[in-house]
Amino acid sequence: MSPYQITLLVVAIATTLITAVLLVLQVIGIGIHDEFDIGGADSADGIDAINNYGVTSFAELKFLSFRGIMAFLCIGSWMTLAMTAIPLHYALATVIGVVAGAGANVGVAFFNRAMMRMRVAGNLEAVNAIGKTAEVYLTIPAKRASGGKVSVLVQERLAEFDAVTDNEEPIPTGGRVKITGVCARGTLVVENL
């Protein structure tokens, strides 16, 4: 074996072992968090964006995660080593290995995105309350004045939301209302029943 092939073999074995350890740890529930992910999907906003809207651009995928880099090195070095054994010229084998490693990195990024979509942020979405009946918790002032609150069952949880109404009269505590819309910052628009 040439020094180039020996280097590839060492990198391939090392990254394969690291990848296997990461996989075993993930299966038993011990998470290894990527310290240098790029794309912001670990921030609260990133998780909300993935849960609610999905990833819409390649910029939001995490290509530079530890797992992605390990996949690139593992698959790329094994593929390059295999191509040099055929024998192909080292330059062509390296190009094929880099393409295979890049494909593995993209696969890991999409796998991470799928895993993030399964993660639940637990956020209540006010828009899911539209059309439901609620009980007034704090009197709702007339003509969209703020200060009212309603209790409503949303996403299988009883939750309180700020509420406003277009009615000419305030809606007293204990009254029943129908939620007709959502305005700024999750405030519900209601009408008296």
Protein backbone atom coordinates (compact mmCIF):
# COMPACT_ATOMS: atom_id res chain seq x y z
CA MET A 1 0.00 0.00 0.00
CA SER A 2 1.14 3.51 -0.76
CA PRO A 3 1.36 6.18 1.97
CA TYR A 4 -1.77 7.81 0.46
CA GLN A 5 -3.73 4.55 0.80
CA ILE A 6 -2.46 3.99 4.35
CA THR A 7 -3.61 7.52 5.29
CA LEU A 8 -7.02 6.85 3.73
CA LEU A 9 -7.29 3.57 5.63
CA VAL A 10 -6.44 5.21 8.97
CA VAL A 11 -8.99 8.02 8.37
CA ALA A 12 -11.63 5.52 7.22
CA ILE A 13 -11.22 3.24 10.25
CA ALA A 14 -11.10 6.13 12.75
CA THR A 15 -14.18 7.89 11.36
CA THR A 16 -16.07 4.59 11.08
CA LEU A 17 -15.41 3.87 14.76
CA ILE A 18 -16.44 7.39 15.80
CA THR A 19 -19.61 7.17 13.69
CA ALA A 20 -20.46 3.77 15.19
CA VAL A 21 -19.99 5.08 18.74
CA LEU A 22 -22.21 8.11 17.97
CA LEU A 23 -24.88 5.81 16.54
CA VAL A 24 -24.82 3.51 19.60
CA LEU A 25 -25.01 6.50 21.95
CA GLN A 26 -27.94 7.91 19.99
CA VAL A 27 -29.79 4.58 20.04
CA ILE A 28 -29.45 4.26 23.83
CA GLY A 29 -30.57 7.85 24.27
CA ILE A 30 -27.38 9.68 25.09
CA GLY A 31 -27.34 12.68 22.77
CA ILE A 32 -24.11 14.16 21.51
CA HIS A 33 -24.97 17.76 20.64
CA ASP A 34 -23.17 19.29 17.72
CA GLU A 35 -21.13 22.20 19.04
CA PHE A 36 -20.44 23.90 15.74
CA ASP A 37 -23.61 23.44 13.69
CA ILE A 38 -24.29 26.08 11.10
CA GLY A 39 -27.87 26.85 10.14
CA GLY A 40 -29.45 27.72 13.48
CA ALA A 41 -31.76 24.73 13.71
CA ASP A 42 -30.88 24.20 17.38
CA SER A 43 -32.11 27.65 18.41
CA ALA A 44 -35.68 28.00 19.62
CA ASP A 45 -36.59 29.96 16.48
CA GLY A 46 -34.97 27.31 14.31
CA ILE A 47 -36.89 24.51 16.00
CA ASP A 48 -40.16 26.44 15.69
CA ALA A 49 -39.48 27.10 12.01
CA ILE A 50 -38.83 23.42 11.36
CA ASN A 51 -41.84 22.24 13.39
CA ASN A 52 -44.25 24.69 11.84
CA TYR A 53 -43.07 25.34 8.33
CA GLY A 54 -40.34 22.83 7.46
CA VAL A 55 -36.91 23.69 6.15
CA THR A 56 -37.34 25.70 2.99
CA SER A 57 -33.76 26.27 1.85
CA PHE A 58 -30.40 24.54 1.82
CA ALA A 59 -29.07 27.37 4.01
CA GLU A 60 -31.23 26.07 6.86
CA LEU A 61 -29.78 22.55 6.67
CA LYS A 62 -26.84 21.71 8.92
CA PHE A 63 -24.04 20.70 6.55
CA LEU A 64 -21.21 21.50 8.96
CA SER A 65 -22.31 19.35 11.87
CA PHE A 66 -19.92 16.93 13.57
CA ARG A 67 -21.93 13.96 12.28
CA GLY A 68 -21.95 15.41 8.76
CA ILE A 69 -18.19 15.88 8.74
CA MET A 70 -17.67 12.35 10.11
CA ALA A 71 -19.95 10.96 7.38
CA PHE A 72 -18.03 12.93 4.73
CA LEU A 73 -14.66 11.63 5.95
CA CYS A 74 -15.88 8.06 6.51
CA ILE A 75 -17.66 7.51 3.19
CA GLY A 76 -15.22 9.66 1.23
CA SER A 77 -12.13 7.88 2.51
CA TRP A 78 -13.62 4.38 2.07
CA MET A 79 -14.74 5.23 -1.47
CA THR A 80 -11.39 6.75 -2.41
CA LEU A 81 -9.59 3.71 -0.97
CA ALA A 82 -11.85 1.39 -2.97
CA MET A 83 -11.28 3.36 -6.16
CA THR A 84 -7.49 3.26 -5.73
CA ALA A 85 -7.72 -0.53 -5.32
CA ILE A 86 -9.46 -0.92 -8.73
CA PRO A 87 -6.86 0.74 -9.70
CA LEU A 88 -7.88 4.24 -10.71
CA HIS A 89 -5.55 7.19 -10.80
CA TYR A 90 -5.35 8.82 -7.35
CA ALA A 91 -6.72 12.14 -8.62
CA LEU A 92 -9.82 10.54 -10.15
CA ALA A 93 -10.28 8.30 -7.09
CA THR A 94 -10.07 11.37 -4.83
CA VAL A 95 -12.70 13.21 -6.88
CA ILE A 96 -15.04 10.21 -6.68
CA GLY A 97 -14.39 9.96 -2.92
CA VAL A 98 -15.12 13.67 -2.38
CA VAL A 99 -18.39 13.39 -4.33
CA ALA A 100 -19.41 10.30 -2.32
CA GLY A 101 -18.47 12.03 0.95
CA ALA A 102 -20.44 15.14 -0.02
CA GLY A 103 -23.44 12.93 -0.78
CA ALA A 104 -23.12 11.34 2.66
CA ASN A 105 -22.93 14.79 4.27
CA VAL A 106 -26.11 15.89 2.45
CA GLY A 107 -27.81 12.65 3.53
CA VAL A 108 -26.90 13.30 7.16
CA ALA A 109 -28.18 16.89 6.89
CA PHE A 110 -31.55 15.69 5.58
CA PHE A 111 -31.66 12.96 8.26
CA ASN A 112 -31.01 15.60 10.95
CA ARG A 113 -33.80 17.72 9.48
CA ALA A 114 -36.18 14.75 9.65
CA MET A 115 -35.18 14.18 13.28
CA MET A 116 -35.75 17.86 14.11
CA ARG A 117 -39.21 17.70 12.57
CA MET A 118 -40.10 14.92 14.98
CA ARG A 119 -39.01 17.06 17.89
CA VAL A 120 -41.91 18.85 19.57
CA ALA A 121 -41.40 22.37 20.82
CA GLY A 122 -44.73 22.22 22.68
CA ASN A 123 -45.80 25.67 21.55
CA LEU A 124 -49.49 26.42 21.44
CA GLU A 125 -50.54 27.97 18.16
CA ALA A 126 -53.35 30.50 18.56
CA VAL A 127 -54.49 29.90 14.99
CA ASN A 128 -55.56 26.37 16.02
CA ALA A 129 -58.23 27.92 18.26
CA ILE A 130 -60.16 29.53 15.38
CA GLY A 131 -63.73 28.19 15.21
CA LYS A 132 -63.70 26.86 18.78
CA THR A 133 -65.92 27.93 21.65
CA ALA A 134 -64.22 29.50 24.67
CA GLU A 135 -65.13 30.76 28.10
CA VAL A 136 -64.32 34.35 29.09
CA TYR A 137 -61.78 34.34 31.92
CA LEU A 138 -61.39 38.13 32.25
CA THR A 139 -63.99 40.55 30.91
CA ILE A 140 -63.30 41.44 27.29
CA PRO A 141 -63.67 45.20 26.70
CA ALA A 142 -65.69 46.44 23.72
CA LYS A 143 -64.28 47.56 20.35
CA ARG A 144 -60.95 45.70 20.39
CA ALA A 145 -59.69 47.28 23.60
CA SER A 146 -57.11 45.04 25.23
CA GLY A 147 -57.40 43.41 28.64
CA GLY A 148 -59.67 40.41 28.12
CA LYS A 149 -58.75 36.75 28.39
CA VAL A 150 -60.42 33.50 27.38
CA SER A 151 -59.90 29.84 28.31
CA VAL A 152 -60.08 27.41 25.40
CA LEU A 153 -59.12 23.81 24.68
CA VAL A 154 -56.38 23.95 22.01
CA GLN A 155 -54.08 21.14 20.93
CA GLU A 156 -55.55 18.96 23.68
CA ARG A 157 -54.66 21.48 26.40
CA LEU A 158 -56.74 24.04 28.25
CA ALA A 159 -55.01 27.36 27.59
CA GLU A 160 -55.58 31.04 28.26
CA PHE A 161 -55.21 33.60 25.52
CA ASP A 162 -55.59 37.37 25.39
CA ALA A 163 -58.80 38.24 23.58
CA VAL A 164 -60.48 41.21 21.92
CA THR A 165 -63.90 41.69 20.37
CA ASP A 166 -65.53 43.93 17.79
CA ASN A 167 -68.77 43.97 19.84
CA GLU A 168 -70.18 47.28 21.02
CA GLU A 169 -70.65 45.85 24.54
CA PRO A 170 -68.01 44.20 26.75
CA ILE A 171 -68.28 40.44 27.22
CA PRO A 172 -68.40 39.61 30.97
CA THR A 173 -66.42 36.93 32.80
CA GLY A 174 -68.06 33.53 32.44
CA GLY A 175 -69.59 34.35 29.05
CA ARG A 176 -69.29 31.97 26.08
CA VAL A 177 -67.63 33.21 22.91
CA LYS A 178 -66.69 31.88 19.49
CA ILE A 179 -63.14 32.49 18.26
CA THR A 180 -63.23 34.06 14.81
CA GLY A 181 -59.62 35.06 14.21
CA VAL A 182 -56.18 35.89 15.50
CA CYS A 183 -54.51 39.29 15.55
CA ALA A 184 -51.15 40.58 16.79
CA ARG A 185 -49.04 38.38 19.08
CA GLY A 186 -51.56 35.56 19.32
CA THR A 187 -54.47 37.65 20.61
CA LEU A 188 -57.76 35.97 19.73
CA VAL A 189 -60.65 37.83 18.10
CA VAL A 190 -63.94 36.60 19.55
CA GLU A 191 -67.67 37.19 19.21
CA ASN A 192 -70.38 36.72 21.79
CA LEU A 193 -72.52 33.60 21.55
